[in-house]
Protein backbone atom coordinates (compact mmCIF):
# COMPACT_ATOMS: atom_id res chain seq x y z
CA UNK A 1 0.00 0.00 0.00
CA UNK A 2 1.55 3.29 -1.08
CA UNK A 3 1.16 6.68 0.54
CA UNK A 4 -1.36 7.74 -2.08
CA UNK A 5 -3.59 4.74 -1.55
CA UNK A 6 -3.40 5.17 2.22
CA UNK A 7 -4.38 8.83 1.90
CA UNK A 8 -7.24 7.80 -0.41
CA UNK A 9 -8.52 5.29 2.14
CA UNK A 10 -8.27 7.88 4.93
CA UNK A 11 -10.14 10.47 2.84
CA UNK A 12 -12.93 7.96 2.13
CA UNK A 13 -13.15 6.98 5.81
CA UNK A 14 -13.22 10.65 6.83
CA UNK A 15 -16.01 11.38 4.36
CA UNK A 16 -18.00 8.38 5.55
CA UNK A 17 -17.59 9.28 9.21
CA UNK A 18 -18.54 12.89 8.49
CA UNK A 19 -21.72 11.99 6.63
CA UNK A 20 -22.57 9.46 9.36
CA UNK A 21 -22.27 12.09 12.08
CA UNK A 22 -24.29 14.57 10.04
CA UNK A 23 -27.10 12.04 9.61
CA UNK A 24 -26.96 11.17 13.31
CA UNK A 25 -27.12 14.87 14.21
CA UNK A 26 -30.14 15.31 11.95
CA UNK A 27 -31.91 12.38 13.62
CA UNK A 28 -31.18 13.60 17.14
CA UNK A 29 -31.71 17.32 16.49
CA UNK A 30 -34.88 19.20 17.30
CA UNK A 31 -35.50 20.31 13.72
CA UNK A 32 -34.97 16.81 12.32
CA UNK A 33 -33.51 17.94 9.03
CA UNK A 34 -30.16 17.24 7.40
CA UNK A 35 -27.72 20.16 7.27
CA UNK A 36 -24.69 19.74 5.06
CA UNK A 37 -21.36 21.06 6.34
CA UNK A 38 -19.33 23.19 3.91
CA UNK A 39 -15.93 24.85 4.00
CA UNK A 40 -17.62 28.25 4.26
CA UNK A 41 -19.36 27.05 7.44
CA UNK A 42 -16.07 26.00 9.04
CA UNK A 43 -13.80 28.89 8.06
CA UNK A 44 -14.27 32.64 8.18
CA UNK A 45 -15.31 34.42 4.98
CA UNK A 46 -12.07 36.42 4.94
CA UNK A 47 -10.24 33.26 3.82
CA UNK A 48 -12.38 33.10 0.69
CA UNK A 49 -12.23 36.77 -0.35
CA UNK A 50 -9.46 36.00 -2.84
CA UNK A 51 -11.97 34.10 -4.95
CA UNK A 52 -14.08 37.17 -5.61
CA UNK A 53 -11.19 39.62 -5.81
CA UNK A 54 -9.15 37.75 -8.41
CA UNK A 55 -9.67 37.40 -12.11
CA UNK A 56 -8.95 34.02 -13.62
CA UNK A 57 -10.23 34.93 -17.10
CA UNK A 58 -13.70 33.55 -16.52
CA UNK A 59 -12.70 30.70 -14.23
CA UNK A 60 -13.90 32.35 -11.01
CA UNK A 61 -16.83 29.93 -10.87
CA UNK A 62 -14.57 26.88 -10.40
CA UNK A 63 -13.19 27.81 -6.94
CA UNK A 64 -16.62 29.11 -5.89
CA UNK A 65 -18.12 25.76 -6.87
CA UNK A 66 -15.45 23.79 -5.01
CA UNK A 67 -15.82 25.88 -1.84
CA UNK A 68 -19.61 25.51 -2.00
CA UNK A 69 -19.54 21.71 -2.15
CA UNK A 70 -20.43 19.72 0.96
CA UNK A 71 -17.36 18.63 2.90
CA UNK A 72 -18.01 14.90 2.54
CA UNK A 73 -18.14 15.30 -1.26
CA UNK A 74 -14.78 17.08 -1.14
CA UNK A 75 -13.32 14.25 0.93
CA UNK A 76 -14.66 11.58 -1.43
CA UNK A 77 -13.31 13.53 -4.40
CA UNK A 78 -9.94 13.85 -2.69
CA UNK A 79 -9.96 10.09 -2.10
CA UNK A 80 -10.61 9.46 -5.80
CA UNK A 81 -7.81 11.87 -6.71
CA UNK A 82 -5.38 10.02 -4.42
CA UNK A 83 -6.38 6.68 -5.96
CA UNK A 84 -5.72 8.08 -9.42
CA UNK A 85 -2.33 9.35 -8.23
CA UNK A 86 -1.62 5.89 -6.80
CA UNK A 87 -2.44 4.31 -10.15
CA UNK A 88 -0.30 6.77 -12.13
CA UNK A 89 2.61 7.34 -9.74
CA UNK A 90 2.59 4.19 -7.61
CA UNK A 91 5.23 1.51 -7.46
CA UNK A 92 5.98 -0.25 -10.69
PDB file of N, CA and C in Angstrom:
ATOM      1  N   UNK A   1       0.850  -1.167   0.000  1.00  0.00           N
ATOM      2  CA  UNK A   1       0.000   0.000   0.000  1.00  0.00           C
ATOM      3  C   UNK A   1       0.901   1.238   0.000  1.00  0.00           C
ATOM      4  N   UNK A   2       0.731   2.090  -0.989  1.00  0.00           N
ATOM      5  CA  UNK A   2       1.553   3.292  -1.082  1.00  0.00           C
ATOM      6  C   UNK A   2       0.936   4.419  -0.265  1.00  0.00           C
ATOM      7  N   UNK A   3       1.651   5.514  -0.194  1.00  0.00           N
ATOM      8  CA  UNK A   3       1.156   6.679   0.544  1.00  0.00           C
ATOM      9  C   UNK A   3      -0.118   7.226  -0.083  1.00  0.00           C
ATOM     10  N   UNK A   4      -0.181   7.213  -1.411  1.00  0.00           N
ATOM     11  CA  UNK A   4      -1.357   7.744  -2.084  1.00  0.00           C
ATOM     12  C   UNK A   4      -2.592   6.900  -1.807  1.00  0.00           C
ATOM     13  N   UNK A   5      -2.435   5.583  -1.824  1.00  0.00           N
ATOM     14  CA  UNK A   5      -3.589   4.736  -1.554  1.00  0.00           C
ATOM     15  C   UNK A   5      -4.018   4.843  -0.091  1.00  0.00           C
ATOM     16  N   UNK A   6      -3.060   4.986   0.812  1.00  0.00           N
ATOM     17  CA  UNK A   6      -3.401   5.172   2.221  1.00  0.00           C
ATOM     18  C   UNK A   6      -4.140   6.488   2.430  1.00  0.00           C
ATOM     19  N   UNK A   7      -3.695   7.547   1.786  1.00  0.00           N
ATOM     20  CA  UNK A   7      -4.385   8.835   1.897  1.00  0.00           C
ATOM     21  C   UNK A   7      -5.777   8.751   1.278  1.00  0.00           C
ATOM     22  N   UNK A   8      -5.926   8.001   0.192  1.00  0.00           N
ATOM     23  CA  UNK A   8      -7.242   7.804  -0.406  1.00  0.00           C
ATOM     24  C   UNK A   8      -8.195   7.085   0.530  1.00  0.00           C
ATOM     25  N   UNK A   9      -7.695   6.032   1.176  1.00  0.00           N
ATOM     26  CA  UNK A   9      -8.521   5.294   2.138  1.00  0.00           C
ATOM     27  C   UNK A   9      -8.920   6.203   3.299  1.00  0.00           C
ATOM     28  N   UNK A  10      -7.968   6.981   3.818  1.00  0.00           N
ATOM     29  CA  UNK A  10      -8.273   7.883   4.927  1.00  0.00           C
ATOM     30  C   UNK A  10      -9.281   8.961   4.530  1.00  0.00           C
ATOM     31  N   UNK A  11      -9.178   9.467   3.308  1.00  0.00           N
ATOM     32  CA  UNK A  11     -10.141  10.467   2.845  1.00  0.00           C
ATOM     33  C   UNK A  11     -11.538   9.850   2.730  1.00  0.00           C
ATOM     34  N   UNK A  12     -11.633   8.622   2.217  1.00  0.00           N
ATOM     35  CA  UNK A  12     -12.928   7.956   2.135  1.00  0.00           C
ATOM     36  C   UNK A  12     -13.501   7.677   3.522  1.00  0.00           C
ATOM     37  N   UNK A  13     -12.674   7.233   4.440  1.00  0.00           N
ATOM     38  CA  UNK A  13     -13.145   6.978   5.807  1.00  0.00           C
ATOM     39  C   UNK A  13     -13.605   8.280   6.453  1.00  0.00           C
ATOM     40  N   UNK A  14     -12.834   9.350   6.265  1.00  0.00           N
ATOM     41  CA  UNK A  14     -13.216  10.648   6.826  1.00  0.00           C
ATOM     42  C   UNK A  14     -14.536  11.142   6.267  1.00  0.00           C
ATOM     43  N   UNK A  15     -14.741  10.985   4.962  1.00  0.00           N
ATOM     44  CA  UNK A  15     -16.014  11.378   4.358  1.00  0.00           C
ATOM     45  C   UNK A  15     -17.171  10.544   4.868  1.00  0.00           C
ATOM     46  N   UNK A  16     -16.951   9.247   5.020  1.00  0.00           N
ATOM     47  CA  UNK A  16     -17.997   8.379   5.548  1.00  0.00           C
ATOM     48  C   UNK A  16     -18.355   8.687   6.985  1.00  0.00           C
ATOM     49  N   UNK A  17     -17.345   8.935   7.807  1.00  0.00           N
ATOM     50  CA  UNK A  17     -17.594   9.280   9.211  1.00  0.00           C
ATOM     51  C   UNK A  17     -18.317  10.620   9.304  1.00  0.00           C
ATOM     52  N   UNK A  18     -17.914  11.569   8.476  1.00  0.00           N
ATOM     53  CA  UNK A  18     -18.539  12.887   8.493  1.00  0.00           C
ATOM     54  C   UNK A  18     -20.008  12.815   8.102  1.00  0.00           C
ATOM     55  N   UNK A  19     -20.317  12.093   7.036  1.00  0.00           N
ATOM     56  CA  UNK A  19     -21.722  11.988   6.630  1.00  0.00           C
ATOM     57  C   UNK A  19     -22.522  11.189   7.668  1.00  0.00           C
ATOM     58  N   UNK A  20     -21.885  10.207   8.300  1.00  0.00           N
ATOM     59  CA  UNK A  20     -22.567   9.464   9.364  1.00  0.00           C
ATOM     60  C   UNK A  20     -22.921  10.350  10.545  1.00  0.00           C
ATOM     61  N   UNK A  21     -21.988  11.187  10.960  1.00  0.00           N
ATOM     62  CA  UNK A  21     -22.268  12.089  12.076  1.00  0.00           C
ATOM     63  C   UNK A  21     -23.297  13.150  11.695  1.00  0.00           C
ATOM     64  N   UNK A  22     -23.292  13.589  10.460  1.00  0.00           N
ATOM     65  CA  UNK A  22     -24.292  14.568  10.038  1.00  0.00           C
ATOM     66  C   UNK A  22     -25.690  13.959  10.022  1.00  0.00           C
ATOM     67  N   UNK A  23     -25.803  12.716   9.584  1.00  0.00           N
ATOM     68  CA  UNK A  23     -27.103  12.039   9.606  1.00  0.00           C
ATOM     69  C   UNK A  23     -27.550  11.801  11.044  1.00  0.00           C
ATOM     70  N   UNK A  24     -26.622  11.392  11.907  1.00  0.00           N
ATOM     71  CA  UNK A  24     -26.958  11.174  13.308  1.00  0.00           C
ATOM     72  C   UNK A  24     -27.408  12.473  13.977  1.00  0.00           C
ATOM     73  N   UNK A  25     -26.736  13.570  13.661  1.00  0.00           N
ATOM     74  CA  UNK A  25     -27.120  14.872  14.212  1.00  0.00           C
ATOM     75  C   UNK A  25     -28.503  15.274  13.726  1.00  0.00           C
ATOM     76  N   UNK A  26     -28.822  14.982  12.479  1.00  0.00           N
ATOM     77  CA  UNK A  26     -30.143  15.311  11.951  1.00  0.00           C
ATOM     78  C   UNK A  26     -31.229  14.485  12.628  1.00  0.00           C
ATOM     79  N   UNK A  27     -30.911  13.226  12.958  1.00  0.00           N
ATOM     80  CA  UNK A  27     -31.906  12.383  13.617  1.00  0.00           C
ATOM     81  C   UNK A  27     -32.124  12.795  15.064  1.00  0.00           C
ATOM     82  N   UNK A  28     -31.078  13.232  15.739  1.00  0.00           N
ATOM     83  CA  UNK A  28     -31.176  13.601  17.143  1.00  0.00           C
ATOM     84  C   UNK A  28     -31.697  15.019  17.323  1.00  0.00           C
ATOM     85  N   UNK A  29     -31.393  15.895  16.370  1.00  0.00           N
ATOM     86  CA  UNK A  29     -31.709  17.317  16.493  1.00  0.00           C
ATOM     87  C   UNK A  29     -33.190  17.595  16.609  1.00  0.00           C
ATOM     88  N   UNK A  30     -33.492  18.788  17.102  1.00  0.00           N
ATOM     89  CA  UNK A  30     -34.882  19.200  17.298  1.00  0.00           C
ATOM     90  C   UNK A  30     -35.592  19.446  15.975  1.00  0.00           C
ATOM     91  N   UNK A  31     -34.862  20.009  14.997  1.00  0.00           N
ATOM     92  CA  UNK A  31     -35.497  20.311  13.721  1.00  0.00           C
ATOM     93  C   UNK A  31     -35.710  19.053  12.880  1.00  0.00           C
ATOM     94  N   UNK A  32     -34.831  18.072  13.025  1.00  0.00           N
ATOM     95  CA  UNK A  32     -34.974  16.815  12.319  1.00  0.00           C
ATOM     96  C   UNK A  32     -34.668  16.884  10.841  1.00  0.00           C
ATOM     97  N   UNK A  33     -33.865  17.864  10.440  1.00  0.00           N
ATOM     98  CA  UNK A  33     -33.510  17.942   9.033  1.00  0.00           C
ATOM     99  C   UNK A  33     -32.005  17.882   8.867  1.00  0.00           C
ATOM    100  N   UNK A  34     -31.576  17.427   7.698  1.00  0.00           N
ATOM    101  CA  UNK A  34     -30.163  17.239   7.396  1.00  0.00           C
ATOM    102  C   UNK A  34     -29.543  18.570   6.991  1.00  0.00           C
ATOM    103  N   UNK A  35     -28.447  18.933   7.620  1.00  0.00           N
ATOM    104  CA  UNK A  35     -27.719  20.155   7.273  1.00  0.00           C
ATOM    105  C   UNK A  35     -26.315  19.758   6.832  1.00  0.00           C
ATOM    106  N   UNK A  36     -25.982  20.111   5.616  1.00  0.00           N
ATOM    107  CA  UNK A  36     -24.694  19.744   5.060  1.00  0.00           C
ATOM    108  C   UNK A  36     -23.619  20.737   5.513  1.00  0.00           C
ATOM    109  N   UNK A  37     -22.477  20.235   5.880  1.00  0.00           N
ATOM    110  CA  UNK A  37     -21.361  21.056   6.339  1.00  0.00           C
ATOM    111  C   UNK A  37     -20.483  21.408   5.147  1.00  0.00           C
ATOM    112  N   UNK A  38     -20.155  22.709   5.019  1.00  0.00           N
ATOM    113  CA  UNK A  38     -19.333  23.189   3.908  1.00  0.00           C
ATOM    114  C   UNK A  38     -18.097  23.876   4.463  1.00  0.00           C
ATOM    115  N   UNK A  39     -17.140  24.130   3.580  1.00  0.00           N
ATOM    116  CA  UNK A  39     -15.931  24.851   3.997  1.00  0.00           C
ATOM    117  C   UNK A  39     -16.264  26.253   4.485  1.00  0.00           C
ATOM    118  N   UNK A  40     -17.247  26.891   3.860  1.00  0.00           N
ATOM    119  CA  UNK A  40     -17.617  28.248   4.265  1.00  0.00           C
ATOM    120  C   UNK A  40     -18.259  28.266   5.652  1.00  0.00           C
ATOM    121  N   UNK A  41     -18.812  27.142   6.086  1.00  0.00           N
ATOM    122  CA  UNK A  41     -19.357  27.052   7.442  1.00  0.00           C
ATOM    123  C   UNK A  41     -18.254  26.903   8.482  1.00  0.00           C
ATOM    124  N   UNK A  42     -17.146  26.284   8.090  1.00  0.00           N
ATOM    125  CA  UNK A  42     -16.072  26.001   9.036  1.00  0.00           C
ATOM    126  C   UNK A  42     -15.078  27.148   9.171  1.00  0.00           C
ATOM    127  N   UNK A  43     -14.806  27.839   8.070  1.00  0.00           N
ATOM    128  CA  UNK A  43     -13.799  28.891   8.063  1.00  0.00           C
ATOM    129  C   UNK A  43     -14.453  30.249   7.875  1.00  0.00           C
ATOM    130  N   UNK A  44     -13.763  31.287   8.306  1.00  0.00           N
ATOM    131  CA  UNK A  44     -14.273  32.642   8.179  1.00  0.00           C
ATOM    132  C   UNK A  44     -14.286  33.067   6.710  1.00  0.00           C
ATOM    133  N   UNK A  45     -15.181  33.981   6.371  1.00  0.00           N
ATOM    134  CA  UNK A  45     -15.309  34.420   4.981  1.00  0.00           C
ATOM    135  C   UNK A  45     -14.074  35.163   4.479  1.00  0.00           C
ATOM    136  N   UNK A  46     -13.263  35.675   5.384  1.00  0.00           N
ATOM    137  CA  UNK A  46     -12.074  36.417   4.945  1.00  0.00           C
ATOM    138  C   UNK A  46     -11.074  35.514   4.228  1.00  0.00           C
ATOM    139  N   UNK A  47     -11.143  34.201   4.495  1.00  0.00           N
ATOM    140  CA  UNK A  47     -10.243  33.261   3.821  1.00  0.00           C
ATOM    141  C   UNK A  47     -10.664  32.973   2.383  1.00  0.00           C
ATOM    142  N   UNK A  48     -11.882  33.361   2.031  1.00  0.00           N
ATOM    143  CA  UNK A  48     -12.381  33.103   0.689  1.00  0.00           C
ATOM    144  C   UNK A  48     -12.565  34.377  -0.125  1.00  0.00           C
ATOM    145  N   UNK A  49     -12.106  35.512   0.386  1.00  0.00           N
ATOM    146  CA  UNK A  49     -12.235  36.769  -0.346  1.00  0.00           C
ATOM    147  C   UNK A  49     -11.398  36.775  -1.619  1.00  0.00           C
ATOM    148  N   UNK A  50     -10.318  36.028  -1.652  1.00  0.00           N
ATOM    149  CA  UNK A  50      -9.456  35.996  -2.835  1.00  0.00           C
ATOM    150  C   UNK A  50     -10.192  35.461  -4.046  1.00  0.00           C
ATOM    151  N   UNK A  51     -11.229  34.662  -3.817  1.00  0.00           N
ATOM    152  CA  UNK A  51     -11.970  34.099  -4.947  1.00  0.00           C
ATOM    153  C   UNK A  51     -12.706  35.205  -5.697  1.00  0.00           C
ATOM    154  N   UNK A  52     -13.337  36.102  -4.973  1.00  0.00           N
ATOM    155  CA  UNK A  52     -14.080  37.172  -5.612  1.00  0.00           C
ATOM    156  C   UNK A  52     -13.210  38.314  -6.094  1.00  0.00           C
ATOM    157  N   UNK A  53     -12.060  38.496  -5.469  1.00  0.00           N
ATOM    158  CA  UNK A  53     -11.192  39.620  -5.813  1.00  0.00           C
ATOM    159  C   UNK A  53     -10.254  39.323  -6.975  1.00  0.00           C
ATOM    160  N   UNK A  54     -10.106  38.095  -7.355  1.00  0.00           N
ATOM    161  CA  UNK A  54      -9.152  37.748  -8.406  1.00  0.00           C
ATOM    162  C   UNK A  54      -9.871  37.500  -9.727  1.00  0.00           C
ATOM    163  N   UNK A  55      -9.132  37.649 -10.780  1.00  0.00           N
ATOM    164  CA  UNK A  55      -9.675  37.405 -12.108  1.00  0.00           C
ATOM    165  C   UNK A  55      -8.891  36.264 -12.743  1.00  0.00           C
ATOM    166  N   UNK A  56      -9.573  35.172 -12.993  1.00  0.00           N
ATOM    167  CA  UNK A  56      -8.947  34.017 -13.622  1.00  0.00           C
ATOM    168  C   UNK A  56      -9.438  33.845 -15.057  1.00  0.00           C
ATOM    169  N   UNK A  57      -9.774  34.947 -15.712  1.00  0.00           N
ATOM    170  CA  UNK A  57     -10.232  34.927 -17.095  1.00  0.00           C
ATOM    171  C   UNK A  57     -11.483  34.051 -17.261  1.00  0.00           C
ATOM    172  N   UNK A  58     -12.445  34.281 -16.427  1.00  0.00           N
ATOM    173  CA  UNK A  58     -13.702  33.552 -16.524  1.00  0.00           C
ATOM    174  C   UNK A  58     -13.763  32.275 -15.722  1.00  0.00           C
ATOM    175  N   UNK A  59     -12.715  31.945 -15.003  1.00  0.00           N
ATOM    176  CA  UNK A  59     -12.702  30.702 -14.225  1.00  0.00           C
ATOM    177  C   UNK A  59     -13.006  30.932 -12.744  1.00  0.00           C
ATOM    178  N   UNK A  60     -13.596  32.074 -12.414  1.00  0.00           N
ATOM    179  CA  UNK A  60     -13.903  32.345 -11.009  1.00  0.00           C
ATOM    180  C   UNK A  60     -14.945  31.384 -10.452  1.00  0.00           C
ATOM    181  N   UNK A  61     -15.763  30.827 -11.322  1.00  0.00           N
ATOM    182  CA  UNK A  61     -16.827  29.926 -10.874  1.00  0.00           C
ATOM    183  C   UNK A  61     -16.286  28.599 -10.358  1.00  0.00           C
ATOM    184  N   UNK A  62     -15.116  28.187 -10.813  1.00  0.00           N
ATOM    185  CA  UNK A  62     -14.570  26.884 -10.402  1.00  0.00           C
ATOM    186  C   UNK A  62     -14.230  26.874  -8.909  1.00  0.00           C
ATOM    187  N   UNK A  63     -13.438  27.843  -8.381  1.00  0.00           N
ATOM    188  CA  UNK A  63     -13.194  27.814  -6.937  1.00  0.00           C
ATOM    189  C   UNK A  63     -14.447  28.074  -6.109  1.00  0.00           C
ATOM    190  N   UNK A  64     -15.367  28.884  -6.620  1.00  0.00           N
ATOM    191  CA  UNK A  64     -16.623  29.110  -5.894  1.00  0.00           C
ATOM    192  C   UNK A  64     -17.429  27.815  -5.802  1.00  0.00           C
ATOM    193  N   UNK A  65     -17.419  27.036  -6.869  1.00  0.00           N
ATOM    194  CA  UNK A  65     -18.121  25.761  -6.873  1.00  0.00           C
ATOM    195  C   UNK A  65     -17.486  24.782  -5.893  1.00  0.00           C
ATOM    196  N   UNK A  66     -16.157  24.713  -5.893  1.00  0.00           N
ATOM    197  CA  UNK A  66     -15.445  23.788  -5.011  1.00  0.00           C
ATOM    198  C   UNK A  66     -15.670  24.155  -3.544  1.00  0.00           C
ATOM    199  N   UNK A  67     -15.615  25.439  -3.221  1.00  0.00           N
ATOM    200  CA  UNK A  67     -15.818  25.881  -1.839  1.00  0.00           C
ATOM    201  C   UNK A  67     -17.258  25.646  -1.398  1.00  0.00           C
ATOM    202  N   UNK A  68     -18.198  25.699  -2.340  1.00  0.00           N
ATOM    203  CA  UNK A  68     -19.605  25.509  -2.001  1.00  0.00           C
ATOM    204  C   UNK A  68     -20.051  24.069  -1.887  1.00  0.00           C
ATOM    205  N   UNK A  69     -19.188  23.126  -2.251  1.00  0.00           N
ATOM    206  CA  UNK A  69     -19.542  21.712  -2.145  1.00  0.00           C
ATOM    207  C   UNK A  69     -19.604  21.258  -0.685  1.00  0.00           C
ATOM    208  N   UNK A  70     -20.448  20.298  -0.387  1.00  0.00           N
ATOM    209  CA  UNK A  70     -20.434  19.717   0.961  1.00  0.00           C
ATOM    210  C   UNK A  70     -19.078  19.077   1.252  1.00  0.00           C
ATOM    211  N   UNK A  71     -18.693  19.093   2.504  1.00  0.00           N
ATOM    212  CA  UNK A  71     -17.363  18.631   2.895  1.00  0.00           C
ATOM    213  C   UNK A  71     -17.163  17.140   2.620  1.00  0.00           C
ATOM    214  N   UNK A  72     -18.195  16.330   2.795  1.00  0.00           N
ATOM    215  CA  UNK A  72     -18.012  14.901   2.539  1.00  0.00           C
ATOM    216  C   UNK A  72     -17.792  14.639   1.051  1.00  0.00           C
ATOM    217  N   UNK A  73     -18.379  15.444   0.175  1.00  0.00           N
ATOM    218  CA  UNK A  73     -18.144  15.299  -1.263  1.00  0.00           C
ATOM    219  C   UNK A  73     -16.702  15.661  -1.588  1.00  0.00           C
ATOM    220  N   UNK A  74     -16.182  16.709  -0.936  1.00  0.00           N
ATOM    221  CA  UNK A  74     -14.784  17.082  -1.136  1.00  0.00           C
ATOM    222  C   UNK A  74     -13.847  15.971  -0.680  1.00  0.00           C
ATOM    223  N   UNK A  75     -14.161  15.337   0.441  1.00  0.00           N
ATOM    224  CA  UNK A  75     -13.316  14.254   0.930  1.00  0.00           C
ATOM    225  C   UNK A  75     -13.372  13.038   0.015  1.00  0.00           C
ATOM    226  N   UNK A  76     -14.555  12.702  -0.486  1.00  0.00           N
ATOM    227  CA  UNK A  76     -14.657  11.584  -1.425  1.00  0.00           C
ATOM    228  C   UNK A  76     -13.910  11.901  -2.717  1.00  0.00           C
ATOM    229  N   UNK A  77     -14.034  13.127  -3.203  1.00  0.00           N
ATOM    230  CA  UNK A  77     -13.309  13.529  -4.402  1.00  0.00           C
ATOM    231  C   UNK A  77     -11.810  13.504  -4.202  1.00  0.00           C
ATOM    232  N   UNK A  78     -11.362  13.900  -3.016  1.00  0.00           N
ATOM    233  CA  UNK A  78      -9.943  13.846  -2.691  1.00  0.00           C
ATOM    234  C   UNK A  78      -9.462  12.400  -2.640  1.00  0.00           C
ATOM    235  N   UNK A  79     -10.302  11.510  -2.115  1.00  0.00           N
ATOM    236  CA  UNK A  79      -9.956  10.091  -2.103  1.00  0.00           C
ATOM    237  C   UNK A  79      -9.803   9.526  -3.506  1.00  0.00           C
ATOM    238  N   UNK A  80     -10.711   9.903  -4.405  1.00  0.00           N
ATOM    239  CA  UNK A  80     -10.609   9.463  -5.796  1.00  0.00           C
ATOM    240  C   UNK A  80      -9.341  10.012  -6.432  1.00  0.00           C
ATOM    241  N   UNK A  81      -9.025  11.268  -6.164  1.00  0.00           N
ATOM    242  CA  UNK A  81      -7.810  11.873  -6.706  1.00  0.00           C
ATOM    243  C   UNK A  81      -6.562  11.141  -6.220  1.00  0.00           C
ATOM    244  N   UNK A  82      -6.527  10.768  -4.941  1.00  0.00           N
ATOM    245  CA  UNK A  82      -5.381  10.025  -4.421  1.00  0.00           C
ATOM    246  C   UNK A  82      -5.275   8.631  -5.039  1.00  0.00           C
ATOM    247  N   UNK A  83      -6.430   7.986  -5.295  1.00  0.00           N
ATOM    248  CA  UNK A  83      -6.381   6.683  -5.959  1.00  0.00           C
ATOM    249  C   UNK A  83      -5.862   6.799  -7.384  1.00  0.00           C
ATOM    250  N   UNK A  84      -6.244   7.858  -8.079  1.00  0.00           N
ATOM    251  CA  UNK A  84      -5.718   8.085  -9.425  1.00  0.00           C
ATOM    252  C   UNK A  84      -4.215   8.333  -9.371  1.00  0.00           C
ATOM    253  N   UNK A  85      -3.765   9.107  -8.389  1.00  0.00           N
ATOM    254  CA  UNK A  85      -2.329   9.351  -8.234  1.00  0.00           C
ATOM    255  C   UNK A  85      -1.597   8.056  -7.903  1.00  0.00           C
ATOM    256  N   UNK A  86      -2.218   7.183  -7.115  1.00  0.00           N
ATOM    257  CA  UNK A  86      -1.620   5.885  -6.804  1.00  0.00           C
ATOM    258  C   UNK A  86      -1.471   5.055  -8.070  1.00  0.00           C
ATOM    259  N   UNK A  87      -2.494   5.095  -8.915  1.00  0.00           N
ATOM    260  CA  UNK A  87      -2.441   4.311 -10.149  1.00  0.00           C
ATOM    261  C   UNK A  87      -1.365   4.847 -11.088  1.00  0.00           C
ATOM    262  N   UNK A  88      -1.245   6.178 -11.184  1.00  0.00           N
ATOM    263  CA  UNK A  88      -0.297   6.772 -12.128  1.00  0.00           C
ATOM    264  C   UNK A  88       1.126   6.838 -11.597  1.00  0.00           C
ATOM    265  N   UNK A  89       1.287   7.105 -10.302  1.00  0.00           N
ATOM    266  CA  UNK A  89       2.606   7.339  -9.735  1.00  0.00           C
ATOM    267  C   UNK A  89       3.074   6.257  -8.761  1.00  0.00           C
ATOM    268  N   UNK A  90       2.257   5.231  -8.582  1.00  0.00           N
ATOM    269  CA  UNK A  90       2.594   4.188  -7.614  1.00  0.00           C
ATOM    270  C   UNK A  90       3.792   3.370  -8.016  1.00  0.00           C
ATOM    271  N   UNK A  91       4.102   2.403  -7.183  1.00  0.00           N
ATOM    272  CA  UNK A  91       5.233   1.514  -7.458  1.00  0.00           C
ATOM    273  C   UNK A  91       5.008   0.727  -8.723  1.00  0.00           C
ATOM    274  N   UNK A  92       6.086   0.505  -9.427  1.00  0.00           N
ATOM    275  CA  UNK A  92       5.979  -0.245 -10.690  1.00  0.00           C
ATOM    276  C   UNK A  92       6.826  -1.490 -10.626  1.00  0.00           C
TER     277      UNK A  92
END
